[in-house]
Each structure stands twice: as structure tokens, then as C-alpha cells.
Amino acid sequence: MPRALFAILLVGLLVLAGCVQEPPPASPFNGQEFDNGMYAPLFTLESMDGELWSLEEQRGKTVVMAFIYTRCYETCPVISAAINHAKTKLTSEENLSVVWVSITIDPYHDSPSVLQNWTSDRGYDWVHLTGIDSAVNPVLDAYDVDPIHFEDNSSQGYGFSHPQPTYVIDSSGYLRVVWSEVDWPVDLFLEDLRTVLAG
């Protein structure tokens, strides 16, 4: 083969090799990873105990955050049961490093006392948050919850259809992973949570 032709072929192969991109690295998470270094939007709401609860004050701990409302009888109980189950699977040391929190999407109905009674009846021991509409709604917007209000035959005369993301926020305040499914597998979720805890 003439040297000139060989040189042309070699250059062509090198160019092609440069065009072949390396596949992106595999995510360490089972859920959807946040890979852009996004801080979790900060907020302050009212807890079921009537105390102010600030996300910023949780720095130093990993935060698991979900969205529910007490009159939801289909999907929300699944989320709450999964959280309750996940908490029992962590060691005592791991639980000291994790803050679990659920935020109502129905602040009109879910007052602190309603949340207190609701959690007590179910044996849930993690923080549930509420507030006035003007405090809660920006939080729902910031975390892409966006509930859709509809009329129904309940005693309150309304309900909500809404996404139910469960977020894991690391100890530095970064969003790390989100599970968007309602019935996320507890074992896989715990793998993600432990990955975040491990730093």
C-alpha cells in the first residue's frame, strides 16, 4: 500500500476514533440522579407541633422529603407506609444522620393539630409540615409537585391529583436523587439513601 494512502487511512481512523464518545458513567443511584450540583430550594414551614421548621437548619444531616395530604386515601398512604418501613430498616446510627419530613399539599385542611392527630393515629414519628397557602404553595412549585384541585363527594368537597416525588437531599443541602414513583421499592431506595450517607 502506498505510504500516502496509508497515511490518509490512518488519519481517517484517528478522526473516527475521536468522534466516538465514551458512554456516560453509570449512575450510582437506582432513582433519578441530580448531577448538576443543584441546591435544594430552602423554605420554612410549620410542623405538626406548631414549631417553625427550616430546611436550612437541617444542614449536616441527610433529608428525605415527601409530599402527602391527610385526606388522600390511595397513593399517599403508600408513600407514608414506605417511609415508615424504610426508617425501620436503618440502623440506629444511620437514623441519627437522617431527617424524614412529609409536606402537606392541602394546608387549608391539614392544620398542625390535624397532622398531629393523623400521625399519632398511625404511629408515624417523623416531621409533617404545613403552613398558610402563601408559604406552602411556593414550596410545592419549587419541588415540582403542582397539585391539581378537583371537586369530589368527600366531606370537604375537594381533592387533589398530584405528583409524589420523594427527594433525598445530602448533608450539604444538595439534591442528590429523586424517586417519582408512588410505590418505590424500599430496598432500592435504601441503597440510594446509604450511597448519599456514605458521601
N, C-alpha and C. Protein backbone atom coordinates (compact mmCIF):
# COMPACT_ATOMS: atom_id res chain seq x y z
N MET A 1 0.85 -1.20 0.00
CA MET A 1 0.00 0.00 0.00
C MET A 1 0.89 1.24 0.00
N PRO A 2 0.64 2.18 -0.89
CA PRO A 2 1.44 3.41 -0.91
C PRO A 2 1.37 4.12 0.42
N ARG A 3 2.52 4.71 0.80
CA ARG A 3 2.59 5.38 2.10
C ARG A 3 1.58 6.52 2.21
N ALA A 4 1.37 7.25 1.13
CA ALA A 4 0.42 8.37 1.16
C ALA A 4 -0.98 7.89 1.48
N LEU A 5 -1.39 6.77 0.84
CA LEU A 5 -2.72 6.22 1.08
C LEU A 5 -2.84 5.71 2.50
N PHE A 6 -1.77 5.05 2.97
CA PHE A 6 -1.76 4.54 4.34
C PHE A 6 -1.91 5.69 5.35
N ALA A 7 -1.21 6.78 5.08
CA ALA A 7 -1.28 7.94 5.97
C ALA A 7 -2.68 8.52 6.01
N ILE A 8 -3.33 8.59 4.84
CA ILE A 8 -4.70 9.12 4.77
C ILE A 8 -5.65 8.24 5.56
N LEU A 9 -5.51 6.91 5.40
CA LEU A 9 -6.37 5.98 6.13
C LEU A 9 -6.15 6.08 7.63
N LEU A 10 -4.89 6.24 8.02
CA LEU A 10 -4.58 6.34 9.44
C LEU A 10 -5.19 7.60 10.05
N VAL A 11 -5.08 8.71 9.33
CA VAL A 11 -5.68 9.96 9.81
C VAL A 11 -7.19 9.81 9.92
N GLY A 12 -7.80 9.16 8.92
CA GLY A 12 -9.24 8.94 8.95
C GLY A 12 -9.68 8.12 10.15
N LEU A 13 -8.91 7.08 10.47
CA LEU A 13 -9.25 6.24 11.62
C LEU A 13 -9.12 7.02 12.93
N LEU A 14 -8.10 7.86 13.02
CA LEU A 14 -7.93 8.67 14.22
C LEU A 14 -9.08 9.66 14.40
N VAL A 15 -9.53 10.25 13.29
CA VAL A 15 -10.66 11.18 13.35
C VAL A 15 -11.92 10.46 13.81
N LEU A 16 -12.15 9.27 13.23
CA LEU A 16 -13.33 8.49 13.63
C LEU A 16 -13.26 8.12 15.10
N ALA A 17 -12.07 7.73 15.55
CA ALA A 17 -11.92 7.36 16.96
C ALA A 17 -12.25 8.54 17.86
N GLY A 18 -11.86 9.74 17.43
CA GLY A 18 -12.16 10.92 18.23
C GLY A 18 -13.63 11.26 18.27
N CYS A 19 -14.38 10.81 17.26
CA CYS A 19 -15.81 11.11 17.19
C CYS A 19 -16.63 10.16 18.04
N VAL A 20 -16.05 9.02 18.41
CA VAL A 20 -16.78 8.04 19.21
C VAL A 20 -16.71 8.48 20.67
N GLN A 21 -17.81 8.88 21.22
CA GLN A 21 -17.84 9.39 22.58
C GLN A 21 -17.89 8.24 23.57
N GLU A 22 -17.23 8.47 24.68
CA GLU A 22 -17.31 7.50 25.76
C GLU A 22 -18.73 7.50 26.33
N PRO A 23 -19.26 6.33 26.68
CA PRO A 23 -20.59 6.31 27.30
C PRO A 23 -20.54 7.02 28.64
N PRO A 24 -21.63 7.69 29.01
CA PRO A 24 -21.64 8.38 30.31
C PRO A 24 -21.44 7.38 31.44
N PRO A 25 -20.79 7.79 32.51
CA PRO A 25 -20.58 6.87 33.63
C PRO A 25 -21.91 6.43 34.23
N ALA A 26 -21.94 5.20 34.68
CA ALA A 26 -23.17 4.67 35.26
C ALA A 26 -23.51 5.43 36.54
N SER A 27 -24.78 5.72 36.73
CA SER A 27 -25.21 6.42 37.93
C SER A 27 -25.06 5.50 39.14
N PRO A 28 -24.65 6.02 40.27
CA PRO A 28 -24.59 5.21 41.48
C PRO A 28 -25.96 4.99 42.11
N PHE A 29 -27.00 5.60 41.53
CA PHE A 29 -28.33 5.57 42.13
C PHE A 29 -29.30 4.72 41.32
N ASN A 30 -30.29 4.19 42.02
CA ASN A 30 -31.39 3.47 41.38
C ASN A 30 -32.49 4.43 40.94
N GLY A 31 -32.68 5.51 41.70
CA GLY A 31 -33.63 6.54 41.33
C GLY A 31 -33.00 7.51 40.35
N GLN A 32 -33.67 8.64 40.12
CA GLN A 32 -33.18 9.65 39.17
C GLN A 32 -32.17 10.56 39.87
N GLU A 33 -30.96 10.58 39.33
CA GLU A 33 -29.88 11.35 39.95
C GLU A 33 -29.91 12.81 39.52
N PHE A 34 -29.60 13.69 40.46
CA PHE A 34 -29.33 15.09 40.13
C PHE A 34 -27.82 15.22 39.96
N ASP A 35 -27.40 15.59 38.76
CA ASP A 35 -25.97 15.62 38.50
C ASP A 35 -25.44 17.02 38.21
N ASN A 36 -26.22 18.03 38.53
CA ASN A 36 -25.80 19.40 38.19
C ASN A 36 -25.50 20.25 39.42
N GLY A 37 -25.29 19.61 40.55
CA GLY A 37 -24.93 20.36 41.75
C GLY A 37 -25.99 21.35 42.18
N MET A 38 -27.26 20.94 42.14
CA MET A 38 -28.36 21.86 42.47
C MET A 38 -28.66 21.83 43.97
N TYR A 39 -28.63 23.01 44.59
CA TYR A 39 -29.06 23.10 45.98
C TYR A 39 -30.57 22.91 46.08
N ALA A 40 -31.00 22.23 47.12
CA ALA A 40 -32.43 22.10 47.39
C ALA A 40 -32.99 23.47 47.76
N PRO A 41 -34.09 23.90 47.14
CA PRO A 41 -34.68 25.20 47.49
C PRO A 41 -35.02 25.27 48.98
N LEU A 42 -34.64 26.35 49.61
CA LEU A 42 -34.84 26.49 51.05
C LEU A 42 -36.26 26.96 51.36
N PHE A 43 -36.73 26.60 52.53
CA PHE A 43 -38.07 27.02 52.96
C PHE A 43 -38.16 26.86 54.47
N THR A 44 -39.16 27.52 55.03
CA THR A 44 -39.52 27.36 56.44
C THR A 44 -41.03 27.19 56.52
N LEU A 45 -41.47 26.11 57.17
CA LEU A 45 -42.90 25.84 57.35
C LEU A 45 -43.18 25.51 58.81
N GLU A 46 -44.44 25.22 59.10
CA GLU A 46 -44.85 24.94 60.47
C GLU A 46 -45.02 23.44 60.65
N SER A 47 -44.44 22.91 61.72
CA SER A 47 -44.53 21.48 61.98
C SER A 47 -45.85 21.14 62.66
N MET A 48 -46.11 19.86 62.78
CA MET A 48 -47.33 19.39 63.43
C MET A 48 -47.34 19.76 64.91
N ASP A 49 -46.16 20.10 65.46
CA ASP A 49 -46.07 20.54 66.85
C ASP A 49 -46.27 22.04 67.00
N GLY A 50 -46.50 22.73 65.87
CA GLY A 50 -46.69 24.16 65.91
C GLY A 50 -45.40 24.95 65.94
N GLU A 51 -44.26 24.26 65.73
CA GLU A 51 -42.96 24.92 65.71
C GLU A 51 -42.54 25.19 64.27
N LEU A 52 -41.73 26.23 64.08
CA LEU A 52 -41.18 26.50 62.76
C LEU A 52 -40.08 25.49 62.44
N TRP A 53 -40.10 24.99 61.21
CA TRP A 53 -39.12 24.00 60.75
C TRP A 53 -38.46 24.54 59.49
N SER A 54 -37.14 24.66 59.52
CA SER A 54 -36.39 25.23 58.41
C SER A 54 -35.51 24.17 57.75
N LEU A 55 -35.58 24.07 56.44
CA LEU A 55 -34.71 23.13 55.73
C LEU A 55 -33.24 23.49 55.94
N GLU A 56 -32.94 24.78 55.95
CA GLU A 56 -31.55 25.20 56.10
C GLU A 56 -30.96 24.72 57.42
N GLU A 57 -31.79 24.64 58.45
CA GLU A 57 -31.31 24.22 59.76
C GLU A 57 -31.01 22.73 59.83
N GLN A 58 -31.33 22.00 58.77
CA GLN A 58 -31.06 20.56 58.74
C GLN A 58 -29.68 20.24 58.16
N ARG A 59 -28.93 21.28 57.77
CA ARG A 59 -27.59 21.05 57.22
C ARG A 59 -26.77 20.22 58.20
N GLY A 60 -26.02 19.28 57.64
CA GLY A 60 -25.27 18.34 58.46
C GLY A 60 -25.95 16.99 58.53
N LYS A 61 -27.22 16.95 58.10
CA LYS A 61 -27.95 15.69 58.05
C LYS A 61 -28.54 15.49 56.65
N THR A 62 -28.76 14.24 56.30
CA THR A 62 -29.43 13.90 55.05
C THR A 62 -30.93 14.01 55.26
N VAL A 63 -31.62 14.61 54.32
CA VAL A 63 -33.07 14.83 54.44
C VAL A 63 -33.80 14.00 53.39
N VAL A 64 -34.79 13.24 53.83
CA VAL A 64 -35.72 12.54 52.93
C VAL A 64 -37.04 13.30 53.00
N MET A 65 -37.52 13.76 51.84
CA MET A 65 -38.69 14.65 51.81
C MET A 65 -39.75 14.13 50.85
N ALA A 66 -40.97 14.00 51.36
CA ALA A 66 -42.09 13.53 50.55
C ALA A 66 -43.26 14.50 50.67
N PHE A 67 -44.29 14.28 49.85
CA PHE A 67 -45.45 15.17 49.79
C PHE A 67 -46.72 14.34 49.86
N ILE A 68 -47.60 14.70 50.82
CA ILE A 68 -48.83 13.93 51.05
C ILE A 68 -49.94 14.90 51.45
N TYR A 69 -51.13 14.38 51.64
CA TYR A 69 -52.15 15.12 52.40
C TYR A 69 -53.03 14.10 53.10
N THR A 70 -53.60 14.49 54.24
CA THR A 70 -54.21 13.51 55.13
C THR A 70 -55.49 12.90 54.58
N ARG A 71 -56.17 13.58 53.67
CA ARG A 71 -57.42 13.03 53.12
C ARG A 71 -57.18 12.24 51.84
N CYS A 72 -55.95 11.97 51.52
CA CYS A 72 -55.60 11.15 50.35
C CYS A 72 -55.65 9.69 50.79
N TYR A 73 -56.48 8.90 50.12
CA TYR A 73 -56.70 7.52 50.55
C TYR A 73 -56.14 6.48 49.59
N GLU A 74 -55.44 6.91 48.55
CA GLU A 74 -54.92 5.95 47.57
C GLU A 74 -53.39 5.96 47.54
N THR A 75 -52.80 7.00 46.99
CA THR A 75 -51.35 6.99 46.79
C THR A 75 -50.57 7.45 48.02
N CYS A 76 -51.08 8.45 48.72
CA CYS A 76 -50.33 8.98 49.87
C CYS A 76 -50.06 7.93 50.95
N PRO A 77 -51.03 7.08 51.29
CA PRO A 77 -50.73 6.05 52.28
C PRO A 77 -49.61 5.11 51.85
N VAL A 78 -49.46 4.90 50.54
CA VAL A 78 -48.38 4.04 50.05
C VAL A 78 -47.03 4.69 50.33
N ILE A 79 -46.94 5.99 50.04
CA ILE A 79 -45.71 6.73 50.31
C ILE A 79 -45.38 6.71 51.80
N SER A 80 -46.35 7.02 52.62
CA SER A 80 -46.11 7.08 54.07
C SER A 80 -45.72 5.71 54.62
N ALA A 81 -46.36 4.66 54.13
CA ALA A 81 -46.02 3.31 54.59
C ALA A 81 -44.60 2.94 54.18
N ALA A 82 -44.20 3.35 52.97
CA ALA A 82 -42.84 3.06 52.50
C ALA A 82 -41.80 3.78 53.36
N ILE A 83 -42.08 5.04 53.69
CA ILE A 83 -41.17 5.79 54.55
C ILE A 83 -41.07 5.13 55.93
N ASN A 84 -42.21 4.76 56.48
CA ASN A 84 -42.23 4.11 57.79
C ASN A 84 -41.41 2.83 57.77
N HIS A 85 -41.55 2.06 56.69
CA HIS A 85 -40.81 0.81 56.54
C HIS A 85 -39.32 1.08 56.40
N ALA A 86 -38.98 2.06 55.57
CA ALA A 86 -37.57 2.38 55.34
C ALA A 86 -36.88 2.80 56.64
N LYS A 87 -37.58 3.58 57.45
CA LYS A 87 -36.99 4.04 58.71
C LYS A 87 -36.60 2.88 59.60
N THR A 88 -37.43 1.84 59.60
CA THR A 88 -37.16 0.70 60.47
C THR A 88 -35.99 -0.14 59.98
N LYS A 89 -35.62 0.02 58.71
CA LYS A 89 -34.53 -0.77 58.13
C LYS A 89 -33.16 -0.13 58.35
N LEU A 90 -33.14 1.13 58.76
CA LEU A 90 -31.87 1.79 59.04
C LEU A 90 -31.39 1.42 60.44
N THR A 91 -30.08 1.43 60.61
CA THR A 91 -29.53 1.23 61.95
C THR A 91 -29.78 2.48 62.79
N SER A 92 -29.62 2.33 64.09
CA SER A 92 -29.79 3.50 64.97
C SER A 92 -28.83 4.60 64.60
N GLU A 93 -27.59 4.23 64.26
CA GLU A 93 -26.59 5.23 63.88
C GLU A 93 -26.98 5.93 62.58
N GLU A 94 -27.49 5.15 61.61
CA GLU A 94 -27.92 5.76 60.35
C GLU A 94 -29.08 6.72 60.57
N ASN A 95 -30.03 6.32 61.40
CA ASN A 95 -31.20 7.17 61.64
C ASN A 95 -30.82 8.49 62.29
N LEU A 96 -29.73 8.52 63.05
CA LEU A 96 -29.28 9.77 63.65
C LEU A 96 -28.81 10.76 62.60
N SER A 97 -28.46 10.26 61.42
CA SER A 97 -27.94 11.12 60.35
C SER A 97 -29.00 11.49 59.32
N VAL A 98 -30.24 11.04 59.53
CA VAL A 98 -31.31 11.26 58.54
C VAL A 98 -32.47 12.00 59.19
N VAL A 99 -32.99 12.99 58.48
CA VAL A 99 -34.23 13.68 58.86
C VAL A 99 -35.29 13.31 57.84
N TRP A 100 -36.41 12.80 58.31
CA TRP A 100 -37.53 12.44 57.44
C TRP A 100 -38.60 13.50 57.58
N VAL A 101 -39.15 13.94 56.47
CA VAL A 101 -40.16 15.00 56.54
C VAL A 101 -41.18 14.82 55.42
N SER A 102 -42.45 15.00 55.76
CA SER A 102 -43.54 15.00 54.78
C SER A 102 -44.21 16.37 54.80
N ILE A 103 -44.53 16.87 53.62
CA ILE A 103 -45.15 18.20 53.48
C ILE A 103 -46.55 18.04 52.91
N THR A 104 -47.54 18.64 53.56
CA THR A 104 -48.90 18.54 53.04
C THR A 104 -49.07 19.40 51.79
N ILE A 105 -49.89 18.92 50.88
CA ILE A 105 -50.27 19.75 49.73
C ILE A 105 -51.65 20.38 49.97
N ASP A 106 -52.22 20.14 51.15
CA ASP A 106 -53.55 20.66 51.48
C ASP A 106 -53.50 21.46 52.78
N PRO A 107 -52.79 22.58 52.78
CA PRO A 107 -52.65 23.34 54.03
C PRO A 107 -53.97 23.90 54.55
N TYR A 108 -54.96 24.07 53.68
CA TYR A 108 -56.26 24.59 54.12
C TYR A 108 -56.88 23.65 55.14
N HIS A 109 -56.77 22.35 54.90
CA HIS A 109 -57.36 21.36 55.81
C HIS A 109 -56.35 20.87 56.84
N ASP A 110 -55.12 20.64 56.40
CA ASP A 110 -54.13 19.99 57.26
C ASP A 110 -53.42 20.99 58.17
N SER A 111 -54.11 21.37 59.21
CA SER A 111 -53.54 22.25 60.23
C SER A 111 -52.54 21.45 61.07
N PRO A 112 -51.73 22.11 61.89
CA PRO A 112 -50.84 21.36 62.77
C PRO A 112 -51.56 20.33 63.63
N SER A 113 -52.72 20.68 64.17
CA SER A 113 -53.44 19.73 65.02
C SER A 113 -53.95 18.54 64.23
N VAL A 114 -54.42 18.78 62.99
CA VAL A 114 -54.86 17.68 62.14
C VAL A 114 -53.69 16.74 61.84
N LEU A 115 -52.55 17.31 61.50
CA LEU A 115 -51.37 16.49 61.23
C LEU A 115 -50.92 15.75 62.49
N GLN A 116 -51.00 16.40 63.63
CA GLN A 116 -50.60 15.76 64.87
C GLN A 116 -51.47 14.54 65.15
N ASN A 117 -52.79 14.70 65.03
CA ASN A 117 -53.70 13.58 65.28
C ASN A 117 -53.52 12.48 64.24
N TRP A 118 -53.34 12.87 62.99
CA TRP A 118 -53.21 11.91 61.89
C TRP A 118 -51.96 11.06 62.06
N THR A 119 -50.84 11.69 62.39
CA THR A 119 -49.59 10.94 62.57
C THR A 119 -49.65 10.07 63.81
N SER A 120 -50.24 10.59 64.87
CA SER A 120 -50.35 9.83 66.12
C SER A 120 -51.20 8.58 65.92
N ASP A 121 -52.31 8.71 65.20
CA ASP A 121 -53.19 7.57 64.94
C ASP A 121 -52.47 6.46 64.19
N ARG A 122 -51.50 6.83 63.35
CA ARG A 122 -50.80 5.84 62.50
C ARG A 122 -49.44 5.43 63.05
N GLY A 123 -49.05 6.04 64.14
CA GLY A 123 -47.76 5.70 64.72
C GLY A 123 -46.58 6.24 63.96
N TYR A 124 -46.79 7.29 63.18
CA TYR A 124 -45.69 7.89 62.41
C TYR A 124 -44.95 8.89 63.30
N ASP A 125 -43.64 8.77 63.32
CA ASP A 125 -42.87 9.59 64.26
C ASP A 125 -41.94 10.58 63.57
N TRP A 126 -42.18 10.86 62.29
CA TRP A 126 -41.34 11.86 61.62
C TRP A 126 -42.12 13.16 61.42
N VAL A 127 -41.40 14.20 61.05
CA VAL A 127 -41.96 15.55 60.95
C VAL A 127 -42.93 15.65 59.77
N HIS A 128 -44.09 16.27 60.03
CA HIS A 128 -45.04 16.61 58.97
C HIS A 128 -45.25 18.13 59.03
N LEU A 129 -45.23 18.75 57.86
CA LEU A 129 -45.24 20.21 57.79
C LEU A 129 -46.46 20.76 57.09
N THR A 130 -46.86 21.96 57.51
CA THR A 130 -47.96 22.68 56.89
C THR A 130 -47.65 24.18 56.98
N GLY A 131 -48.65 24.99 56.75
CA GLY A 131 -48.49 26.44 56.80
C GLY A 131 -49.63 27.09 56.05
N ILE A 132 -49.59 28.40 55.95
CA ILE A 132 -50.60 29.09 55.15
C ILE A 132 -50.31 28.85 53.67
N ASP A 133 -51.33 29.05 52.84
CA ASP A 133 -51.18 28.78 51.40
C ASP A 133 -49.97 29.50 50.81
N SER A 134 -49.79 30.75 51.19
CA SER A 134 -48.72 31.55 50.59
C SER A 134 -47.33 31.07 51.01
N ALA A 135 -47.27 30.23 52.05
CA ALA A 135 -45.99 29.64 52.46
C ALA A 135 -45.78 28.28 51.82
N VAL A 136 -46.85 27.48 51.75
CA VAL A 136 -46.73 26.11 51.23
C VAL A 136 -46.64 26.08 49.72
N ASN A 137 -47.46 26.87 49.03
CA ASN A 137 -47.51 26.78 47.56
C ASN A 137 -46.18 27.03 46.87
N PRO A 138 -45.37 28.00 47.30
CA PRO A 138 -44.06 28.16 46.66
C PRO A 138 -43.15 26.94 46.84
N VAL A 139 -43.31 26.24 47.96
CA VAL A 139 -42.52 25.02 48.17
C VAL A 139 -42.95 23.94 47.19
N LEU A 140 -44.26 23.79 47.01
CA LEU A 140 -44.76 22.81 46.05
C LEU A 140 -44.26 23.13 44.65
N ASP A 141 -44.29 24.40 44.29
CA ASP A 141 -43.79 24.82 42.96
C ASP A 141 -42.30 24.51 42.82
N ALA A 142 -41.54 24.82 43.85
CA ALA A 142 -40.08 24.65 43.78
C ALA A 142 -39.69 23.20 43.62
N TYR A 143 -40.52 22.30 44.14
CA TYR A 143 -40.20 20.87 44.08
C TYR A 143 -41.07 20.11 43.07
N ASP A 144 -41.66 20.85 42.14
CA ASP A 144 -42.39 20.26 41.01
C ASP A 144 -43.52 19.33 41.45
N VAL A 145 -44.26 19.74 42.45
CA VAL A 145 -45.40 18.94 42.90
C VAL A 145 -46.67 19.36 42.17
N ASP A 146 -46.99 20.63 42.12
CA ASP A 146 -48.06 21.18 41.28
C ASP A 146 -49.37 20.39 41.37
N PRO A 147 -50.03 20.37 42.53
CA PRO A 147 -51.28 19.63 42.66
C PRO A 147 -52.40 20.22 41.81
N ILE A 148 -53.25 19.34 41.31
CA ILE A 148 -54.42 19.74 40.53
C ILE A 148 -55.66 19.57 41.41
N HIS A 149 -56.35 20.66 41.66
CA HIS A 149 -57.53 20.67 42.53
C HIS A 149 -58.74 20.17 41.75
N PHE A 150 -59.54 19.29 42.38
CA PHE A 150 -60.79 18.87 41.75
C PHE A 150 -61.88 18.73 42.81
N GLU A 151 -63.12 18.86 42.37
CA GLU A 151 -64.25 18.68 43.27
C GLU A 151 -64.60 17.20 43.37
N ASP A 152 -65.02 16.78 44.57
CA ASP A 152 -65.43 15.39 44.75
C ASP A 152 -66.56 15.33 45.78
N ASN A 153 -66.91 14.11 46.19
CA ASN A 153 -68.03 13.92 47.10
C ASN A 153 -67.58 13.75 48.55
N SER A 154 -66.34 14.10 48.84
CA SER A 154 -65.85 13.98 50.21
C SER A 154 -66.48 15.05 51.09
N SER A 155 -66.26 14.93 52.39
CA SER A 155 -66.84 15.90 53.33
C SER A 155 -66.31 17.31 53.09
N GLN A 156 -65.09 17.40 52.55
CA GLN A 156 -64.52 18.71 52.26
C GLN A 156 -64.93 19.23 50.88
N GLY A 157 -65.40 18.32 50.03
CA GLY A 157 -65.87 18.71 48.70
C GLY A 157 -64.79 18.89 47.65
N TYR A 158 -63.56 18.49 47.98
CA TYR A 158 -62.48 18.63 47.00
C TYR A 158 -61.38 17.62 47.30
N GLY A 159 -60.54 17.42 46.31
CA GLY A 159 -59.35 16.57 46.46
C GLY A 159 -58.26 17.07 45.54
N PHE A 160 -57.18 16.30 45.46
CA PHE A 160 -56.05 16.69 44.62
C PHE A 160 -55.52 15.50 43.85
N SER A 161 -55.09 15.80 42.64
CA SER A 161 -54.24 14.88 41.90
C SER A 161 -52.87 15.54 41.83
N HIS A 162 -51.83 14.79 42.15
CA HIS A 162 -50.52 15.46 42.21
C HIS A 162 -49.38 14.46 42.06
N PRO A 163 -48.26 14.91 41.50
CA PRO A 163 -47.05 14.09 41.51
C PRO A 163 -46.61 13.84 42.94
N GLN A 164 -45.91 12.74 43.17
CA GLN A 164 -45.48 12.44 44.54
C GLN A 164 -44.00 12.09 44.58
N PRO A 165 -43.15 13.05 44.28
CA PRO A 165 -41.72 12.77 44.35
C PRO A 165 -41.25 12.60 45.78
N THR A 166 -40.28 11.73 45.96
CA THR A 166 -39.59 11.59 47.24
C THR A 166 -38.12 11.94 47.00
N TYR A 167 -37.67 13.01 47.63
CA TYR A 167 -36.32 13.54 47.40
C TYR A 167 -35.37 13.09 48.50
N VAL A 168 -34.11 12.91 48.11
CA VAL A 168 -33.03 12.74 49.08
C VAL A 168 -32.06 13.91 48.90
N ILE A 169 -31.88 14.67 49.98
CA ILE A 169 -31.02 15.86 50.00
C ILE A 169 -29.84 15.56 50.90
N ASP A 170 -28.63 15.79 50.42
CA ASP A 170 -27.47 15.42 51.22
C ASP A 170 -27.19 16.42 52.33
N SER A 171 -26.20 16.10 53.15
CA SER A 171 -25.93 16.90 54.35
C SER A 171 -25.42 18.30 54.04
N SER A 172 -25.00 18.52 52.79
CA SER A 172 -24.57 19.86 52.38
C SER A 172 -25.68 20.67 51.73
N GLY A 173 -26.87 20.06 51.61
CA GLY A 173 -28.02 20.77 51.06
C GLY A 173 -28.23 20.57 49.58
N TYR A 174 -27.52 19.62 48.97
CA TYR A 174 -27.68 19.37 47.54
C TYR A 174 -28.74 18.30 47.29
N LEU A 175 -29.55 18.53 46.24
CA LEU A 175 -30.44 17.48 45.76
C LEU A 175 -29.60 16.38 45.14
N ARG A 176 -29.79 15.14 45.58
CA ARG A 176 -28.96 14.05 45.07
C ARG A 176 -29.74 13.06 44.22
N VAL A 177 -30.94 12.70 44.65
CA VAL A 177 -31.72 11.70 43.92
C VAL A 177 -33.19 11.89 44.24
N VAL A 178 -34.04 11.56 43.28
CA VAL A 178 -35.49 11.64 43.49
C VAL A 178 -36.13 10.36 42.97
N TRP A 179 -37.10 9.88 43.70
CA TRP A 179 -37.95 8.77 43.27
C TRP A 179 -39.32 9.35 42.95
N SER A 180 -39.75 9.20 41.71
CA SER A 180 -41.02 9.79 41.28
C SER A 180 -42.18 8.81 41.36
N GLU A 181 -41.87 7.51 41.45
CA GLU A 181 -42.94 6.52 41.52
C GLU A 181 -43.58 6.55 42.91
N VAL A 182 -44.84 6.18 42.94
CA VAL A 182 -45.53 6.12 44.24
C VAL A 182 -45.05 4.92 45.04
N ASP A 183 -44.98 3.76 44.40
CA ASP A 183 -44.63 2.53 45.11
C ASP A 183 -43.16 2.17 44.91
N TRP A 184 -42.25 3.10 45.31
CA TRP A 184 -40.83 2.81 45.12
C TRP A 184 -40.40 1.65 46.01
N PRO A 185 -39.51 0.80 45.46
CA PRO A 185 -39.03 -0.36 46.23
C PRO A 185 -38.17 0.10 47.40
N VAL A 186 -38.53 -0.29 48.58
CA VAL A 186 -37.83 0.17 49.77
C VAL A 186 -36.36 -0.24 49.75
N ASP A 187 -36.08 -1.47 49.29
CA ASP A 187 -34.69 -1.93 49.31
C ASP A 187 -33.80 -1.09 48.39
N LEU A 188 -34.31 -0.76 47.20
CA LEU A 188 -33.52 0.05 46.27
C LEU A 188 -33.41 1.50 46.75
N PHE A 189 -34.49 2.00 47.34
CA PHE A 189 -34.44 3.35 47.91
C PHE A 189 -33.39 3.43 49.01
N LEU A 190 -33.33 2.40 49.84
CA LEU A 190 -32.35 2.39 50.92
C LEU A 190 -30.92 2.33 50.39
N GLU A 191 -30.72 1.63 49.27
CA GLU A 191 -29.40 1.64 48.65
C GLU A 191 -29.00 3.06 48.28
N ASP A 192 -29.93 3.80 47.70
CA ASP A 192 -29.65 5.20 47.32
C ASP A 192 -29.39 6.06 48.56
N LEU A 193 -30.20 5.87 49.57
CA LEU A 193 -30.03 6.66 50.79
C LEU A 193 -28.67 6.39 51.42
N ARG A 194 -28.27 5.14 51.44
CA ARG A 194 -26.96 4.80 52.04
C ARG A 194 -25.81 5.31 51.18
N THR A 195 -26.02 5.37 49.87
CA THR A 195 -25.00 5.96 48.99
C THR A 195 -24.80 7.43 49.34
N VAL A 196 -25.90 8.14 49.57
CA VAL A 196 -25.81 9.55 49.96
C VAL A 196 -25.16 9.69 51.33
N LEU A 197 -25.54 8.84 52.26
CA LEU A 197 -24.96 8.90 53.61
C LEU A 197 -23.46 8.65 53.58
N ALA A 198 -23.03 7.80 52.65
CA ALA A 198 -21.60 7.47 52.55
C ALA A 198 -20.79 8.61 51.94
N GLY A 199 -21.51 9.61 51.38
CA GLY A 199 -20.83 10.77 50.81
C GLY A 199 -20.30 10.53 49.43
